[in-house]
Amino acid sequence: MTLNGEELQSKLQEGVDLISDAVKVTLGPKGRNVILYNGEGKAYLTKDGISVASRVYSEDPTVNAAIQIMREASEKTAVDGGDGTTSSIVLAQALYNAGVEALSLKRNIVDIRDEFSKAREKILAELKKQSVQLEFNYENAKHIAYISANNDEKVASLVADAYAGVGKDGTVVVEKVDEAFSKVDIIDGSRYRIGIASKDFFSTRKRNEAVLDDCYVLLYNNTIKSIDEIRKALVRPVEDKKPIAIFADDFTEVALSQLYQNYVKGILDVIPIKTVGSDFHKKDLYRDLAALTGASVYESAQTIGINLGKADTVRSTLIDTVIYNRNPRKQYLEYIKDLEDNLSGEMVPALKELVRQRLANLKGRIATIYVGGITAVEQKEKFDRIEDAVCAVRAAFEEGVCDGGGSTLVRISRKIKEYPIVSAALCAPIYQLSINSYGENDLSIMSKVTDKLGWNFLTDKLEDLSKSGVIDPVKVVRLSVENAMSVALQLLTTEAIVC
C-alpha cells in the first residue's frame, strides 16, 4: 500500500493526536492517571508518560507509523534525560500541528526546516542563560525528587538517601522487590561510559537496558568479526549455563547477528558491550576492567583463551555500563593501591585528572532503590515515579535547573517571535498544565508569567517559582525541545508512505 498527499497527512495527524491525547493527560502535579490493560486480565494505573506512550497502537499501519515516530521523542528523552517524556510528546504535537497549518498557508517546507534550525539554537542559548547550578546536597536532591515524584515525601526521601550514599557522581538504580515496603541498599560498584552494541539485547524495553547476574566477563581488545574468533572463550558459559558480558572494541554485523541468534535460542545469555575512546584510553580501560573482574585481556583469535572474569551484576544501556562486585578480589585492591600511588606521583595535570577519574570509576558506589508494594499495581506505579525522580535528580546536577510549570518555555517563546511556528508551540506545556489543573485552557495564566514570576499549578498562585521550589532540570527541558523538534520535522517532511 502507498499513500501520499492529503490522505497521508490525515493519517499522520490521526496518529500524532492518538498518542498525544493519551499521554498529555498525565502532565503536571494535577495530571490524571491512565489505566494500562494488557488484554490478559492485568491492568495498572500510571502517570508515567513513556509507559503510556509505549502502549498506544493502531491497526492502521499509516497511523501506527506516526505513533511510532512520535514515540521516538519520548523514548530518546527518557534514554538521555530520564524524565520529560510527556513534555516531549506535548511539544511534538504542537510543533507538528503548527507546521501543518503553515504548510496549508503555502509556506515552503525548506523555510520551515530553516526556522526550526535557527529557533533551536536560540532556545538552547536562552536555556543556558536561565540555568542555575545547584549545590549537591541532601536537601536539593530531595526537593528535585519531590517535584518529579508528584510531591511524594516518601519517594523523595528514598531518592535523596540513595544519592547521599553515593555522591553526585555515583550511580543510583531502581529494582522491584517482593516486599511490602521500599528500601535503599548501597554497595560498591563501577560505572563506565560505554554501552551495549545493539538494542536487540535489551532485557527490558521500558528501561532500555540489559542486565546479567552472576556472569562471566570476556575482554577482547579488538573488533570481533565473527563468533568463531571467541568460540573457545564461550565454551565455559554455555556448559555452566551462565551469562557472559563481552567487552570489545567493536562488533561487526555478522558477529552481532550470530550472538543474537544464540541469545534468542537460549543457548547463550549475552550482552555485547562496545568500548570507546583512543587506543591509549582503551588500554587503561581494559586494564581497569581486568583488575575489577579478574579477566585476561585478549587481542586476537590466535591469543584467545578461557581465562574469563566474573561479576555479580552487569547492567548496560546505550550510554553506560555498571559493574557490581560485592566482594572485591585481592588483586583489585592491590591495583587500586598502585593507582593511588601513581596519582600522588603524577605531575602533569591532565594525566593526573585521568588517573583520578579511573579511580573514581573503580571505587564508585552504587545505590539500589528496591521498590516494594502491597499490590503489583501499587508497586508498578511507585516504580515508575521513583525511576523518573532518580533521573531528574541526576539531570538537575548535570546541567542545572530552571523555573518549572512551563514558565521557562513561555519566556523563551516571547524572545523568538520571529519564528512563529516554534514560538507558539513552546506555550503548549503551560496550556496543557492549565487543562489538567482546571479543565480548560486558561489563557490568562500565560499572560501572567513575567521574567521573575510564574504560575504554580499546585498552589494556584503566581509566585517566584525558584523560591517556591517549582523547578525543572535544564537537561530535561533541553532534550524535550530538541527531540520534539526532530520528530515533528520528520513528520512534516514526509511526502509518502509505503507499507
Protein backbone atom coordinates (compact mmCIF):
# COMPACT_ATOMS: atom_id res chain seq x y z
CA MET A 1 0.00 0.00 0.00
CA THR A 2 1.23 3.50 -0.88
CA LEU A 3 -0.20 6.78 0.42
CA ASN A 4 0.65 10.41 -0.20
CA GLY A 5 -0.89 13.86 -0.33
CA GLU A 6 -3.87 14.83 1.84
CA GLU A 7 -4.78 11.24 2.65
CA LEU A 8 -1.31 10.63 4.09
CA GLN A 9 -1.36 13.86 6.12
CA SER A 10 -4.77 12.95 7.54
CA LYS A 11 -3.47 9.56 8.70
CA LEU A 12 -0.30 11.07 10.19
CA GLN A 13 -2.39 13.66 12.02
CA GLU A 14 -4.57 10.89 13.43
CA GLY A 15 -1.52 9.05 14.77
CA VAL A 16 0.02 12.20 16.27
CA ASP A 17 -3.24 13.07 18.07
CA LEU A 18 -3.91 9.50 19.18
CA ILE A 19 -0.66 9.11 21.12
CA SER A 20 -0.54 12.73 22.30
CA ASP A 21 -4.08 12.79 23.66
CA ALA A 22 -3.42 9.59 25.63
CA VAL A 23 -0.13 10.82 27.11
CA LYS A 24 -0.64 14.52 27.85
CA VAL A 25 -3.38 14.00 30.46
CA THR A 26 -0.61 12.84 32.83
CA LEU A 27 1.31 16.16 32.73
CA GLY A 28 1.87 18.17 35.89
CA PRO A 29 1.03 17.94 39.61
CA LYS A 30 -2.70 17.63 38.85
CA GLY A 31 -2.29 15.31 35.88
CA ARG A 32 -4.56 12.28 35.64
CA ASN A 33 -3.81 8.57 35.82
CA VAL A 34 -4.06 6.31 32.80
CA ILE A 35 -5.07 2.66 33.05
CA LEU A 36 -2.84 0.32 31.07
CA TYR A 37 -4.50 -3.01 30.29
CA ASN A 38 -2.67 -5.87 28.60
CA GLY A 39 -5.75 -7.72 27.39
CA GLU A 40 -4.95 -10.71 29.59
CA GLY A 41 -6.69 -9.60 32.75
CA LYS A 42 -3.87 -7.43 34.10
CA ALA A 43 -4.13 -3.68 34.45
CA TYR A 44 -2.34 -0.95 36.39
CA LEU A 45 -2.50 2.80 36.88
CA THR A 46 0.32 5.11 35.86
CA LYS A 47 1.19 8.78 35.40
CA ASP A 48 4.40 7.88 33.60
CA GLY A 49 4.31 9.30 30.08
CA ILE A 50 6.69 6.81 28.48
CA SER A 51 4.69 3.89 29.88
CA VAL A 52 1.53 5.24 28.30
CA ALA A 53 3.26 6.08 25.01
CA SER A 54 4.69 2.57 24.74
CA ARG A 55 1.19 1.03 24.79
CA VAL A 56 -0.57 3.21 22.21
CA TYR A 57 -1.20 1.30 18.99
CA SER A 58 -3.39 1.43 15.89
CA GLU A 59 -4.43 -1.32 13.50
CA ASP A 60 -3.97 1.14 10.61
CA PRO A 61 -0.30 0.84 9.51
CA THR A 62 0.00 4.51 8.48
CA VAL A 63 -1.49 5.78 11.72
CA ASN A 64 0.71 3.37 13.64
CA ALA A 65 3.80 4.63 11.79
CA ALA A 66 3.05 8.16 13.02
CA ILE A 67 2.58 6.82 16.55
CA GLN A 68 5.95 5.08 16.47
CA ILE A 69 7.73 8.18 15.17
CA MET A 70 6.11 10.31 17.90
CA ARG A 71 7.15 7.69 20.43
CA GLU A 72 10.76 8.33 19.42
CA ALA A 73 10.56 11.78 21.01
CA SER A 74 9.63 10.39 24.42
CA GLU A 75 11.92 7.35 24.22
CA LYS A 76 15.01 9.39 23.32
CA THR A 77 14.25 11.89 26.07
CA ALA A 78 13.81 9.01 28.51
CA VAL A 79 17.11 7.37 27.49
CA ASP A 80 19.18 10.56 27.60
CA GLY A 81 17.47 12.50 30.37
CA GLY A 82 15.25 10.02 32.20
CA ASP A 83 12.33 12.44 32.53
CA GLY A 84 10.36 14.91 30.42
CA THR A 85 8.77 12.24 28.25
CA THR A 86 5.28 13.74 28.41
CA SER A 87 6.57 17.23 27.64
CA SER A 88 8.31 15.85 24.55
CA ILE A 89 5.02 14.45 23.25
CA VAL A 90 3.09 17.67 24.03
CA LEU A 91 5.70 19.80 22.27
CA ALA A 92 5.97 17.46 19.28
CA GLN A 93 2.20 17.55 18.73
CA ALA A 94 2.13 21.36 18.96
CA LEU A 95 5.07 21.74 16.59
CA TYR A 96 3.56 19.33 14.09
CA ASN A 97 0.12 20.98 14.17
CA ALA A 98 1.63 24.46 13.75
CA GLY A 99 3.77 23.16 10.88
CA VAL A 100 0.79 21.59 9.12
CA GLU A 101 -1.11 24.87 9.39
CA ALA A 102 1.88 26.76 7.95
CA LEU A 103 2.05 24.32 5.02
CA SER A 104 -1.66 24.81 4.36
CA LEU A 105 -0.94 28.54 4.04
CA LYS A 106 1.62 27.69 1.33
CA ARG A 107 4.77 28.11 3.40
CA ASN A 108 7.73 26.24 1.92
CA ILE A 109 8.94 23.19 3.84
CA VAL A 110 12.54 24.37 3.33
CA ASP A 111 11.66 27.62 5.11
CA ILE A 112 10.04 25.67 7.94
CA ARG A 113 13.10 23.47 8.32
CA ASP A 114 15.27 26.61 8.42
CA GLU A 115 13.01 28.13 11.10
CA PHE A 116 13.30 25.01 13.25
CA SER A 117 17.09 25.04 12.97
CA LYS A 118 17.53 28.72 13.85
CA ALA A 119 14.93 28.60 16.63
CA ARG A 120 16.60 25.58 18.18
CA GLU A 121 19.93 27.39 18.50
CA LYS A 122 18.27 30.39 20.13
CA ILE A 123 16.28 28.20 22.55
CA LEU A 124 19.40 26.35 23.68
CA ALA A 125 21.24 29.64 24.21
CA GLU A 126 18.35 31.01 26.29
CA LEU A 127 18.13 27.81 28.36
CA LYS A 128 21.82 28.09 29.13
CA LYS A 129 21.33 31.68 30.29
CA GLN A 130 18.45 30.73 32.58
CA SER A 131 20.21 27.69 34.04
CA VAL A 132 21.01 27.85 37.76
CA GLN A 133 23.62 25.41 39.06
CA LEU A 134 22.64 23.57 42.24
CA GLU A 135 24.94 22.72 45.11
CA PHE A 136 24.96 18.97 45.62
CA ASN A 137 23.40 18.23 48.98
CA TYR A 138 20.68 16.10 50.51
CA GLU A 139 18.01 18.80 50.61
CA ASN A 140 18.43 19.79 46.96
CA ALA A 141 18.34 16.16 45.84
CA LYS A 142 15.22 15.56 47.91
CA HIS A 143 13.48 18.61 46.53
CA ILE A 144 14.10 17.69 42.88
CA ALA A 145 12.86 14.16 43.58
CA TYR A 146 9.80 15.54 45.40
CA ILE A 147 8.72 17.54 42.35
CA SER A 148 9.39 14.72 39.88
CA ALA A 149 7.53 12.15 42.02
CA ASN A 150 4.31 14.22 42.15
CA ASN A 151 5.04 15.66 45.59
CA ASP A 152 5.53 12.31 47.34
CA GLU A 153 7.59 12.85 50.50
CA LYS A 154 8.45 9.17 50.97
CA VAL A 155 9.70 8.75 47.42
CA ALA A 156 11.72 11.95 47.69
CA SER A 157 13.40 10.71 50.88
CA LEU A 158 14.28 7.36 49.30
CA VAL A 159 15.90 9.03 46.29
CA ALA A 160 17.75 11.59 48.43
CA ASP A 161 19.03 8.82 50.73
CA ALA A 162 20.36 6.97 47.70
CA TYR A 163 22.23 9.98 46.32
CA ALA A 164 23.53 10.91 49.75
CA GLY A 165 25.08 7.47 49.94
CA VAL A 166 26.89 7.55 46.59
CA GLY A 167 27.55 11.24 45.94
CA LYS A 168 26.95 13.40 42.88
CA ASP A 169 28.90 11.15 40.52
CA GLY A 170 27.65 7.88 41.99
CA THR A 171 25.14 5.56 40.38
CA VAL A 172 21.55 5.02 41.51
CA VAL A 173 19.43 2.22 40.03
CA VAL A 174 15.87 1.09 40.71
CA GLU A 175 14.70 -2.52 41.16
CA LYS A 176 11.48 -4.24 42.19
CA VAL A 177 11.41 -6.44 45.30
CA ASP A 178 8.82 -8.89 46.63
CA GLU A 179 8.18 -6.94 49.82
CA ALA A 180 5.54 -4.51 51.02
CA PHE A 181 7.96 -1.67 51.64
CA SER A 182 10.72 0.08 49.69
CA LYS A 183 14.33 0.49 50.82
CA VAL A 184 17.79 1.66 49.75
CA ASP A 185 20.85 -0.59 49.60
CA ILE A 186 24.33 0.75 48.84
CA ILE A 187 27.17 -1.43 47.56
CA ASP A 188 30.47 -0.93 45.79
CA GLY A 189 30.27 -0.84 42.02
CA SER A 190 31.84 0.74 38.95
CA ARG A 191 30.25 2.79 36.17
CA TYR A 192 31.74 3.31 32.70
CA ARG A 193 30.62 5.46 29.77
CA ILE A 194 30.49 2.53 27.37
CA GLY A 195 27.27 0.98 26.14
CA ILE A 196 25.56 -2.04 24.65
CA ALA A 197 26.36 -2.62 20.96
CA SER A 198 22.77 -3.31 19.90
CA LYS A 199 19.26 -2.63 21.22
CA ASP A 200 18.34 -6.21 20.30
CA PHE A 201 19.90 -7.40 23.54
CA PHE A 202 17.82 -5.20 25.85
CA SER A 203 16.16 -7.32 28.51
CA THR A 204 13.51 -4.65 29.10
CA ARG A 205 12.29 -2.11 26.53
CA LYS A 206 10.74 0.19 29.12
CA ARG A 207 14.10 0.89 30.73
CA ASN A 208 16.24 0.36 27.62
CA GLU A 209 18.84 -1.76 29.36
CA ALA A 210 20.20 -5.28 29.65
CA VAL A 211 21.06 -6.93 32.97
CA LEU A 212 23.11 -10.05 33.71
CA ASP A 213 23.52 -11.53 37.19
CA ASP A 214 26.39 -13.79 38.30
CA CYS A 215 28.02 -13.62 34.89
CA TYR A 216 31.32 -14.28 33.16
CA VAL A 217 33.26 -11.42 31.57
CA LEU A 218 35.31 -11.58 28.35
CA LEU A 219 37.70 -8.72 27.48
CA TYR A 220 38.68 -8.51 23.80
CA ASN A 221 40.79 -5.52 22.78
CA ASN A 222 39.89 -5.77 19.09
CA THR A 223 36.91 -5.95 16.75
CA ILE A 224 35.00 -9.23 16.83
CA LYS A 225 34.29 -10.09 13.21
CA SER A 226 32.74 -13.50 13.83
CA ILE A 227 31.73 -15.62 16.77
CA ASP A 228 34.35 -18.15 15.63
CA GLU A 229 37.09 -15.80 16.91
CA ILE A 230 35.88 -16.12 20.50
CA ARG A 231 34.24 -19.56 20.39
CA LYS A 232 36.89 -21.04 22.72
CA ALA A 233 36.03 -18.47 25.40
CA LEU A 234 32.30 -19.18 25.14
CA VAL A 235 32.54 -22.87 25.95
CA ARG A 236 32.51 -22.45 29.72
CA PRO A 237 29.50 -20.06 29.90
CA VAL A 238 27.49 -22.44 27.67
CA GLU A 239 28.47 -25.50 29.70
CA ASP A 240 27.85 -23.77 33.04
CA LYS A 241 24.64 -22.19 31.71
CA LYS A 242 25.80 -18.80 32.92
CA PRO A 243 25.52 -15.46 31.11
CA ILE A 244 28.50 -13.55 29.75
CA ALA A 245 29.28 -9.87 29.16
CA ILE A 246 31.62 -9.37 26.21
CA PHE A 247 33.63 -6.15 26.11
CA ALA A 248 35.20 -5.49 22.70
CA ASP A 249 36.41 -2.57 20.60
CA ASP A 250 33.58 -3.25 18.18
CA PHE A 251 31.33 -5.96 16.72
CA THR A 252 30.60 -6.50 13.03
CA GLU A 253 27.01 -7.03 11.91
CA VAL A 254 27.89 -10.69 11.32
CA ALA A 255 29.17 -11.12 14.89
CA LEU A 256 26.14 -9.37 16.39
CA SER A 257 23.79 -11.48 14.30
CA GLN A 258 25.49 -14.70 15.42
CA LEU A 259 25.41 -13.66 19.08
CA TYR A 260 21.77 -12.66 18.76
CA GLN A 261 20.80 -15.99 17.24
CA ASN A 262 22.38 -17.79 20.20
CA TYR A 263 20.70 -15.31 22.54
CA VAL A 264 17.15 -15.80 21.23
CA LYS A 265 17.57 -19.58 21.07
CA GLY A 266 18.53 -19.64 24.75
CA ILE A 267 21.98 -21.07 24.04
CA LEU A 268 23.89 -18.10 25.42
CA ASP A 269 22.65 -15.22 27.56
CA VAL A 270 24.96 -12.40 26.44
CA ILE A 271 25.49 -8.65 26.39
CA PRO A 272 27.89 -7.31 23.72
CA ILE A 273 29.42 -4.06 25.04
CA LYS A 274 31.32 -1.73 22.74
CA THR A 275 34.28 0.16 24.22
CA VAL A 276 35.08 3.68 23.01
CA GLY A 277 38.00 6.10 23.02
CA SER A 278 41.55 6.28 21.72
CA ASP A 279 43.89 3.31 21.84
CA PHE A 280 45.63 4.98 24.80
CA HIS A 281 42.40 5.29 26.80
CA LYS A 282 41.19 1.83 25.81
CA LYS A 283 44.39 0.26 27.10
CA ASP A 284 43.75 1.82 30.51
CA LEU A 285 40.08 0.84 30.35
CA TYR A 286 40.86 -2.83 29.69
CA ARG A 287 43.43 -2.83 32.50
CA ASP A 288 40.84 -1.42 34.88
CA LEU A 289 38.20 -3.93 33.77
CA ALA A 290 40.70 -6.76 34.15
CA ALA A 291 41.52 -5.69 37.70
CA LEU A 292 37.83 -5.33 38.50
CA THR A 293 36.68 -8.69 37.11
CA GLY A 294 39.80 -10.86 37.13
CA ALA A 295 39.64 -11.43 33.36
CA SER A 296 42.58 -11.65 30.99
CA VAL A 297 42.67 -9.20 28.06
CA TYR A 298 42.78 -10.90 24.65
CA GLU A 299 43.65 -9.17 21.38
CA SER A 300 43.16 -11.73 18.61
CA ALA A 301 41.64 -15.08 17.72
CA GLN A 302 45.12 -16.62 18.00
CA THR A 303 45.55 -15.49 21.62
CA ILE A 304 42.01 -16.14 22.85
CA GLY A 305 41.88 -18.28 25.96
CA ILE A 306 39.47 -19.38 28.67
CA ASN A 307 40.53 -17.04 31.47
CA LEU A 308 37.27 -15.18 31.93
CA GLY A 309 36.43 -12.70 34.62
CA LYS A 310 33.35 -12.66 36.85
CA ALA A 311 30.89 -10.03 38.01
CA ASP A 312 27.97 -10.19 40.41
CA THR A 313 25.91 -8.00 38.06
CA VAL A 314 26.48 -6.18 34.78
CA ARG A 315 23.90 -3.58 33.76
CA SER A 316 24.26 -1.91 30.36
CA THR A 317 22.36 0.77 28.42
CA LEU A 318 23.21 2.54 25.17
CA ILE A 319 25.33 5.08 27.04
CA ASP A 320 26.79 3.42 30.12
CA THR A 321 27.63 0.14 31.83
CA VAL A 322 27.63 -0.59 35.55
CA ILE A 323 29.55 -3.50 37.09
CA TYR A 324 28.78 -4.74 40.60
CA ASN A 325 31.31 -6.77 42.58
CA ARG A 326 30.24 -7.13 46.18
CA ASN A 327 33.39 -8.92 47.36
CA PRO A 328 36.46 -7.23 45.80
CA ARG A 329 39.37 -9.53 44.92
CA LYS A 330 42.80 -9.11 46.48
CA GLN A 331 44.33 -8.23 43.08
CA TYR A 332 41.73 -5.48 42.66
CA LEU A 333 42.63 -3.91 46.00
CA GLU A 334 46.33 -4.04 45.11
CA TYR A 335 45.58 -2.44 41.74
CA ILE A 336 43.70 0.40 43.46
CA LYS A 337 46.68 0.97 45.75
CA ASP A 338 49.04 1.18 42.74
CA LEU A 339 46.78 3.71 41.03
CA GLU A 340 46.63 5.82 44.18
CA ASP A 341 50.44 5.81 44.30
CA ASN A 342 50.53 6.86 40.64
CA LEU A 343 48.09 9.69 41.38
CA SER A 344 50.22 11.12 44.17
CA GLY A 345 53.33 10.95 41.97
CA GLU A 346 51.86 12.28 38.72
CA MET A 347 52.92 15.86 37.96
CA VAL A 348 51.12 16.50 34.65
CA PRO A 349 47.64 17.96 35.47
CA ALA A 350 45.85 16.30 32.52
CA LEU A 351 47.28 12.85 33.29
CA LYS A 352 46.60 13.34 36.99
CA GLU A 353 42.94 14.02 36.19
CA LEU A 354 42.73 10.86 34.07
CA VAL A 355 44.05 8.74 36.92
CA ARG A 356 41.63 10.42 39.31
CA GLN A 357 38.70 9.59 37.00
CA ARG A 358 39.82 5.97 36.70
CA LEU A 359 39.99 5.67 40.49
CA ALA A 360 36.55 7.23 40.83
CA ASN A 361 35.13 4.63 38.41
CA LEU A 362 36.85 1.72 40.11
CA LYS A 363 35.95 2.81 43.65
CA GLY A 364 32.48 4.13 42.78
CA ARG A 365 29.49 3.23 44.88
CA ILE A 366 26.08 2.15 43.61
CA ALA A 367 22.80 2.70 45.41
CA THR A 368 19.90 0.39 44.59
CA ILE A 369 16.39 1.51 45.47
CA TYR A 370 14.30 -1.62 45.95
CA VAL A 371 10.66 -0.79 45.27
CA GLY A 372 8.05 -2.80 47.13
CA GLY A 373 4.27 -2.64 47.24
CA ILE A 374 1.25 -4.34 48.73
CA THR A 375 -0.14 -4.98 45.25
CA ALA A 376 1.52 -5.29 41.85
CA VAL A 377 -0.44 -2.22 40.67
CA GLU A 378 0.84 -0.11 43.56
CA GLN A 379 4.39 -1.33 43.05
CA LYS A 380 4.43 -0.60 39.30
CA GLU A 381 3.04 2.91 39.76
CA LYS A 382 5.57 3.69 42.51
CA PHE A 383 8.41 2.16 40.49
CA ASP A 384 7.70 4.48 37.54
CA ARG A 385 7.71 7.58 39.75
CA ILE A 386 10.88 6.62 41.62
CA GLU A 387 12.71 5.88 38.38
CA ASP A 388 11.70 9.28 36.97
CA ALA A 389 12.76 11.01 40.18
CA VAL A 390 16.19 9.34 40.15
CA CYS A 391 16.80 10.51 36.59
CA ALA A 392 15.51 14.02 37.33
CA VAL A 393 17.97 14.43 40.20
CA ARG A 394 20.87 13.23 38.05
CA ALA A 395 19.90 15.61 35.24
CA ALA A 396 19.48 18.56 37.62
CA PHE A 397 23.03 18.31 38.91
CA GLU A 398 24.45 17.82 35.41
CA GLU A 399 23.16 20.97 33.70
CA GLY A 400 21.41 22.94 36.43
CA VAL A 401 17.74 23.86 36.84
CA CYS A 402 15.27 26.45 35.60
CA ASP A 403 11.75 27.54 36.57
CA GLY A 404 9.16 24.82 36.01
CA GLY A 405 5.46 24.84 35.24
CA GLY A 406 6.10 25.65 31.59
CA SER A 407 7.10 29.22 32.54
CA THR A 408 10.67 28.98 31.20
CA LEU A 409 9.41 27.97 27.76
CA VAL A 410 6.83 30.79 27.81
CA ARG A 411 9.60 33.33 28.47
CA ILE A 412 11.72 31.87 25.67
CA SER A 413 8.73 31.89 23.29
CA ARG A 414 8.50 35.65 23.74
CA LYS A 415 12.11 36.04 22.66
CA ILE A 416 11.76 34.07 19.42
CA LYS A 417 8.66 35.71 17.92
CA GLU A 418 10.48 35.83 14.57
CA TYR A 419 9.99 32.05 14.48
CA PRO A 420 6.15 31.83 14.80
CA ILE A 421 5.75 28.06 14.47
CA VAL A 422 8.20 27.25 17.25
CA SER A 423 7.27 30.25 19.38
CA ALA A 424 3.62 29.21 19.53
CA ALA A 425 4.45 25.55 20.21
CA LEU A 426 6.60 26.37 23.25
CA CYS A 427 3.44 27.50 25.06
CA ALA A 428 1.81 24.06 24.66
CA PRO A 429 3.06 22.65 28.01
CA ILE A 430 1.60 25.52 30.07
CA TYR A 431 -1.68 25.22 28.14
CA GLN A 432 -1.86 21.50 28.92
CA LEU A 433 -0.97 22.09 32.58
CA SER A 434 -3.88 24.51 32.71
CA ILE A 435 -6.27 21.99 31.16
CA ASN A 436 -5.14 19.22 33.53
CA SER A 437 -5.48 21.53 36.53
CA TYR A 438 -8.68 23.46 35.76
CA GLY A 439 -10.41 21.53 33.00
CA GLU A 440 -9.83 24.28 30.45
CA ASN A 441 -7.06 26.27 28.81
CA ASP A 442 -6.96 29.44 30.88
CA LEU A 443 -5.14 31.82 28.52
CA SER A 444 -4.75 34.43 31.25
CA ILE A 445 -2.24 32.22 33.08
CA MET A 446 0.35 32.55 30.32
CA SER A 447 -0.06 36.32 30.23
CA LYS A 448 0.66 36.48 33.96
CA VAL A 449 4.10 34.92 33.56
CA THR A 450 6.86 37.53 33.91
CA ASP A 451 10.64 37.41 33.86
CA LYS A 452 10.59 36.74 37.60
CA LEU A 453 7.19 35.18 38.35
CA GLY A 454 5.44 32.05 37.09
CA TRP A 455 2.24 30.13 37.79
CA ASN A 456 2.37 27.44 40.46
CA PHE A 457 -0.19 24.84 39.40
CA LEU A 458 0.00 23.15 42.79
CA THR A 459 -0.91 26.23 44.87
CA ASP A 460 -2.80 28.04 42.08
CA LYS A 461 -0.80 31.21 42.65
CA LEU A 462 1.61 33.49 40.82
CA GLU A 463 4.97 33.02 42.55
CA ASP A 464 8.73 33.26 42.30
CA LEU A 465 8.97 29.63 41.25
CA SER A 466 12.67 29.23 42.06
CA LYS A 467 11.97 30.27 45.67
CA SER A 468 8.88 28.06 45.77
CA GLY A 469 10.95 25.16 44.52
CA VAL A 470 8.98 24.63 41.30
CA ILE A 471 11.94 23.85 39.09
CA ASP A 472 12.86 21.59 36.18
CA PRO A 473 16.26 20.14 35.24
CA VAL A 474 17.58 22.15 32.28
CA LYS A 475 18.85 18.95 30.66
CA VAL A 476 15.32 17.51 30.63
CA VAL A 477 13.81 20.69 29.17
CA ARG A 478 16.54 20.86 26.53
CA LEU A 479 16.08 17.25 25.47
CA SER A 480 12.30 17.58 25.39
CA VAL A 481 12.56 20.52 22.98
CA GLU A 482 15.29 19.00 20.80
CA ASN A 483 13.62 15.63 20.42
CA ALA A 484 10.17 17.12 19.84
CA MET A 485 11.51 19.38 17.09
CA SER A 486 13.33 16.49 15.45
CA VAL A 487 10.27 14.24 15.38
CA ALA A 488 7.86 16.97 14.26
CA LEU A 489 10.17 17.90 11.38
CA GLN A 490 10.44 14.23 10.33
CA LEU A 491 6.67 14.05 10.01
CA LEU A 492 6.33 17.42 8.29
CA THR A 493 8.84 16.44 5.62
CA THR A 494 7.13 13.10 4.91
CA GLU A 495 5.57 13.02 1.44
CA ALA A 496 4.70 9.33 1.07
CA ILE A 497 4.48 6.05 2.94
CA VAL A 498 4.90 2.53 1.60
CA CYS A 499 3.63 -0.31 3.77
